[in-house]
């Protein structure tokens, strides 16, 4: 994580005590993150981070995960966070693309039959990794959540959001070139999120990485008149 945010801490609790690699945060938030239930791998204190000369800061920070994980011996092992994988359920609607917009950024996911994945676009351009080309995932979850404002204010015109991931709401799951309208539920921060279809059965994801996008939803302090407010 390049910059930790308040809502990261709620997300991380479902993993037990995960190893969390992060390079900074709002000054008042730094000690809160460091003393939360994580194995902290802060760039200012942990070994394994390095910068390259091909990009300007802060976009040139990298890390060797093998070096990092050696410093997180007491971190939790992988655990069930509610995702279920398997054949697609009935009820999907054919979808070539889906977009999510924020005040300062926009994402678009387009289905690639050749790669059998959703290609990721950011601000109208392909989202490219340093070694594997355009980012892509077989499953994308657009989870509608209540979004407030974090009390840990930052410099600049943008107010830091605080997404509430405990509770319930609606989501759109993209897989196999189809979209599914589902419900999500996460009763407590210590547990994971379950996704269910309209029939009440578990929503199954395609094997492989899952992208979860937290989007403004009805009831959010940033939701007015059916549209996100800048």
Protein backbone atom coordinates (compact mmCIF):
# COMPACT_ATOMS: atom_id res chain seq x y z
CA UNK A 1 0.00 0.00 0.00
CA UNK A 2 1.55 3.29 -1.03
CA UNK A 3 -0.41 5.34 1.53
CA UNK A 4 -2.44 3.79 4.33
CA UNK A 5 -5.95 5.08 5.00
CA UNK A 6 -8.31 4.77 7.94
CA UNK A 7 -10.63 2.35 6.14
CA UNK A 8 -7.71 0.00 5.43
CA UNK A 9 -7.70 -0.97 9.11
CA UNK A 10 -11.30 -2.22 9.00
CA UNK A 11 -10.55 -4.22 5.86
CA UNK A 12 -7.43 -5.78 7.35
CA UNK A 13 -9.13 -7.12 10.49
CA UNK A 14 -10.79 -9.94 8.52
CA UNK A 15 -7.34 -11.44 7.84
CA UNK A 16 -6.41 -11.86 11.52
CA UNK A 17 -2.99 -10.25 11.91
CA UNK A 18 -1.79 -9.81 8.33
CA UNK A 19 1.58 -8.57 7.13
CA UNK A 20 0.91 -5.02 5.92
CA UNK A 21 3.48 -3.29 3.71
CA UNK A 22 2.88 0.46 3.56
CA UNK A 23 4.96 3.52 2.78
CA UNK A 24 3.21 6.28 4.68
CA UNK A 25 0.01 7.89 5.91
CA UNK A 26 -1.37 11.14 7.25
CA UNK A 27 0.98 12.02 10.17
CA UNK A 28 -1.65 11.54 12.91
CA UNK A 29 -2.72 8.24 11.34
CA UNK A 30 0.79 6.71 11.26
CA UNK A 31 0.86 5.65 14.96
CA UNK A 32 -2.72 4.35 14.68
CA UNK A 33 -1.71 2.06 11.81
CA UNK A 34 1.49 0.96 13.53
CA UNK A 35 -0.39 -0.09 16.68
CA UNK A 36 -3.31 -1.78 14.92
CA UNK A 37 -3.65 -5.56 14.65
CA UNK A 38 -1.11 -6.04 11.87
CA UNK A 39 2.47 -7.14 11.35
CA UNK A 40 3.63 -3.68 10.32
CA UNK A 41 6.12 -3.45 7.45
CA UNK A 42 6.42 0.34 7.37
CA UNK A 43 8.78 1.61 4.68
CA UNK A 44 10.48 3.94 7.17
CA UNK A 45 11.53 1.06 9.42
CA UNK A 46 11.36 -2.23 7.49
CA UNK A 47 14.05 -3.60 5.18
CA UNK A 48 13.39 -4.55 1.57
CA UNK A 49 12.21 -1.28 0.02
CA UNK A 50 14.08 0.44 -2.78
CA UNK A 51 13.56 3.21 -5.35
CA UNK A 52 14.36 3.23 -9.06
CA UNK A 53 15.46 6.12 -11.26
CA UNK A 54 13.00 5.50 -14.14
CA UNK A 55 10.08 7.20 -12.39
CA UNK A 56 9.56 10.24 -10.20
CA UNK A 57 8.72 9.90 -6.53
CA UNK A 58 6.49 8.57 -5.09
CA UNK A 59 5.81 6.29 -8.07
CA UNK A 60 9.23 4.63 -8.01
CA UNK A 61 9.01 2.76 -4.72
CA UNK A 62 9.29 -1.03 -4.87
CA UNK A 63 9.85 -3.83 -2.38
CA UNK A 64 11.19 -7.37 -2.26
CA UNK A 65 8.35 -9.39 -0.70
CA UNK A 66 10.70 -12.19 0.37
CA UNK A 67 12.71 -9.73 2.46
CA UNK A 68 9.54 -8.18 3.86
CA UNK A 69 7.93 -11.47 4.90
CA UNK A 70 11.04 -12.55 6.79
CA UNK A 71 10.31 -9.62 9.10
CA UNK A 72 6.69 -10.69 9.69
CA UNK A 73 7.12 -14.08 11.34
CA UNK A 74 4.11 -13.58 13.62
CA UNK A 75 1.71 -12.66 10.83
CA UNK A 76 -1.42 -14.75 10.31
CA UNK A 77 -1.55 -17.40 7.62
CA UNK A 78 -4.10 -17.18 4.80
CA UNK A 79 -7.69 -17.68 5.96
CA UNK A 80 -11.24 -17.87 4.59
CA UNK A 81 -12.69 -14.38 4.08
CA UNK A 82 -15.99 -15.51 2.58
CA UNK A 83 -15.19 -15.82 -1.12
CA UNK A 84 -16.58 -18.88 -2.89
CA UNK A 85 -15.23 -20.20 -6.19
CA UNK A 86 -16.89 -22.46 -8.71
CA UNK A 87 -19.00 -22.61 -11.89
CA UNK A 88 -21.03 -19.47 -12.61
CA UNK A 89 -24.60 -19.46 -11.29
CA UNK A 90 -27.58 -18.77 -13.55
CA UNK A 91 -28.94 -15.27 -13.95
CA UNK A 92 -25.94 -13.43 -15.40
CA UNK A 93 -26.40 -10.65 -17.95
CA UNK A 94 -23.99 -10.31 -20.87
CA UNK A 95 -21.68 -7.37 -20.26
CA UNK A 96 -18.75 -6.14 -22.32
CA UNK A 97 -17.63 -3.38 -19.96
CA UNK A 98 -18.37 -1.73 -16.63
CA UNK A 99 -17.15 1.59 -15.21
CA UNK A 100 -16.71 3.06 -11.76
CA UNK A 101 -16.04 6.77 -11.23
CA UNK A 102 -14.69 8.72 -8.27
CA UNK A 103 -14.11 12.47 -7.85
CA UNK A 104 -10.40 12.07 -8.71
CA UNK A 105 -10.20 8.87 -10.76
CA UNK A 106 -12.16 6.48 -12.96
CA UNK A 107 -11.87 2.76 -13.66
CA UNK A 108 -13.20 0.68 -16.52
CA UNK A 109 -13.22 -3.08 -16.84
CA UNK A 110 -13.57 -4.62 -20.31
CA UNK A 111 -14.07 -8.31 -20.98
CA UNK A 112 -11.36 -10.08 -22.99
CA UNK A 113 -12.50 -13.44 -24.32
CA UNK A 114 -8.95 -14.18 -25.47
CA UNK A 115 -7.50 -13.73 -21.97
CA UNK A 116 -10.67 -14.89 -20.20
CA UNK A 117 -10.30 -11.89 -17.89
CA UNK A 118 -11.50 -8.36 -17.30
CA UNK A 119 -8.89 -5.84 -18.46
CA UNK A 120 -8.36 -2.86 -16.17
CA UNK A 121 -8.34 0.73 -17.45
CA UNK A 122 -7.63 3.76 -15.26
CA UNK A 123 -8.51 7.31 -16.28
CA UNK A 124 -9.04 6.16 -19.87
CA UNK A 125 -5.68 4.38 -20.26
CA UNK A 126 -4.67 0.73 -19.74
CA UNK A 127 -3.50 0.05 -16.18
CA UNK A 128 -0.06 -1.45 -16.79
CA UNK A 129 2.07 -3.44 -14.33
CA UNK A 130 5.86 -3.29 -14.51
CA UNK A 131 6.25 -6.90 -15.61
CA UNK A 132 2.98 -8.43 -16.79
CA UNK A 133 1.37 -5.92 -19.11
CA UNK A 134 -2.19 -4.71 -18.62
CA UNK A 135 -3.72 -5.61 -15.28
CA UNK A 136 -6.57 -8.10 -15.46
CA UNK A 137 -8.67 -10.36 -13.25
CA UNK A 138 -11.18 -13.16 -13.92
CA UNK A 139 -13.56 -11.70 -11.30
CA UNK A 140 -14.33 -8.07 -10.44
CA UNK A 141 -16.63 -7.15 -7.56
CA UNK A 142 -18.08 -3.63 -7.54
CA UNK A 143 -19.25 -3.37 -3.93
CA UNK A 144 -21.54 -0.44 -3.08
CA UNK A 145 -20.73 0.90 0.37
CA UNK A 146 -21.48 3.89 2.59
CA UNK A 147 -18.65 6.40 2.30
CA UNK A 148 -18.00 9.13 4.83
CA UNK A 149 -15.09 11.48 5.45
CA UNK A 150 -12.07 10.41 7.47
CA UNK A 151 -11.12 12.65 10.43
CA UNK A 152 -7.48 12.22 9.38
CA UNK A 153 -7.46 15.17 6.97
CA UNK A 154 -4.78 15.52 4.31
CA UNK A 155 -3.30 18.36 2.33
CA UNK A 156 -4.90 19.34 -0.95
CA UNK A 157 -8.48 19.87 -2.15
CA UNK A 158 -9.57 16.22 -1.92
CA UNK A 159 -11.10 15.06 1.36
CA UNK A 160 -9.98 11.55 2.38
CA UNK A 161 -12.88 9.08 2.18
CA UNK A 162 -13.73 6.47 4.81
CA UNK A 163 -15.49 3.48 3.24
CA UNK A 164 -17.64 1.39 5.62
CA UNK A 165 -17.14 -2.30 4.76
CA UNK A 166 -18.99 -3.73 7.78
CA UNK A 167 -22.71 -4.06 7.20
CA UNK A 168 -24.62 -5.07 4.09
CA UNK A 169 -25.58 -3.77 0.68
CA UNK A 170 -25.60 -4.47 -3.03
CA UNK A 171 -22.82 -5.36 -5.44
CA UNK A 172 -22.22 -6.21 -9.08
CA UNK A 173 -20.02 -9.23 -9.77
CA UNK A 174 -18.34 -9.45 -13.18
CA UNK A 175 -17.17 -12.86 -14.37
CA UNK A 176 -17.08 -14.80 -17.64
CA UNK A 177 -18.31 -11.80 -19.63
CA UNK A 178 -21.46 -11.48 -17.51
CA UNK A 179 -22.71 -9.26 -14.69
CA UNK A 180 -24.54 -10.51 -11.59
CA UNK A 181 -26.48 -8.31 -9.19
CA UNK A 182 -25.94 -9.66 -5.69
CA UNK A 183 -26.11 -8.79 -2.00
CA UNK A 184 -23.08 -8.55 0.31
CA UNK A 185 -22.98 -9.00 4.07
CA UNK A 186 -20.22 -8.55 6.64
CA UNK A 187 -21.71 -8.52 10.15
CA UNK A 188 -18.44 -7.90 12.02
CA UNK A 189 -14.98 -6.54 11.24
CA UNK A 190 -13.32 -9.76 12.43
CA UNK A 191 -15.09 -11.75 9.72
CA UNK A 192 -15.16 -11.74 5.96
CA UNK A 193 -17.79 -10.77 3.41
CA UNK A 194 -20.32 -13.14 1.89
CA UNK A 195 -21.98 -12.52 -1.46
CA UNK A 196 -25.35 -14.06 -2.32
CA UNK A 197 -27.49 -14.18 -5.44
CA UNK A 198 -31.14 -13.17 -5.63
CA UNK A 199 -32.10 -16.76 -4.82
CA UNK A 200 -30.08 -16.62 -1.59
CA UNK A 201 -27.33 -18.95 -2.80
CA UNK A 202 -23.62 -18.09 -2.55
CA UNK A 203 -22.25 -16.13 -5.49
CA UNK A 204 -19.32 -18.05 -6.95
CA UNK A 205 -16.21 -16.38 -8.36
CA UNK A 206 -13.97 -17.58 -11.17
CA UNK A 207 -10.68 -19.14 -10.14
CA UNK A 208 -7.88 -16.61 -9.85
CA UNK A 209 -7.42 -13.07 -8.53
CA UNK A 210 -10.48 -11.10 -7.44
CA UNK A 211 -10.60 -7.31 -7.70
CA UNK A 212 -12.93 -5.71 -5.14
CA UNK A 213 -13.83 -2.10 -5.96
CA UNK A 214 -15.50 -0.08 -3.20
CA UNK A 215 -17.95 2.30 -4.87
CA UNK A 216 -20.25 4.96 -3.49
CA UNK A 217 -23.70 3.54 -2.86
CA UNK A 218 -27.12 4.78 -1.73
CA UNK A 219 -26.93 6.05 1.85
CA UNK A 220 -23.40 7.34 1.47
CA UNK A 221 -22.61 10.85 2.63
CA UNK A 222 -21.23 11.31 -0.89
CA UNK A 223 -24.38 10.07 -2.61
CA UNK A 224 -27.04 12.52 -3.70
CA UNK A 225 -29.73 12.24 -6.32
CA UNK A 226 -28.49 8.85 -7.54
CA UNK A 227 -25.06 10.24 -8.55
CA UNK A 228 -21.74 10.50 -6.71
CA UNK A 229 -21.01 14.01 -5.55
CA UNK A 230 -17.48 15.47 -6.07
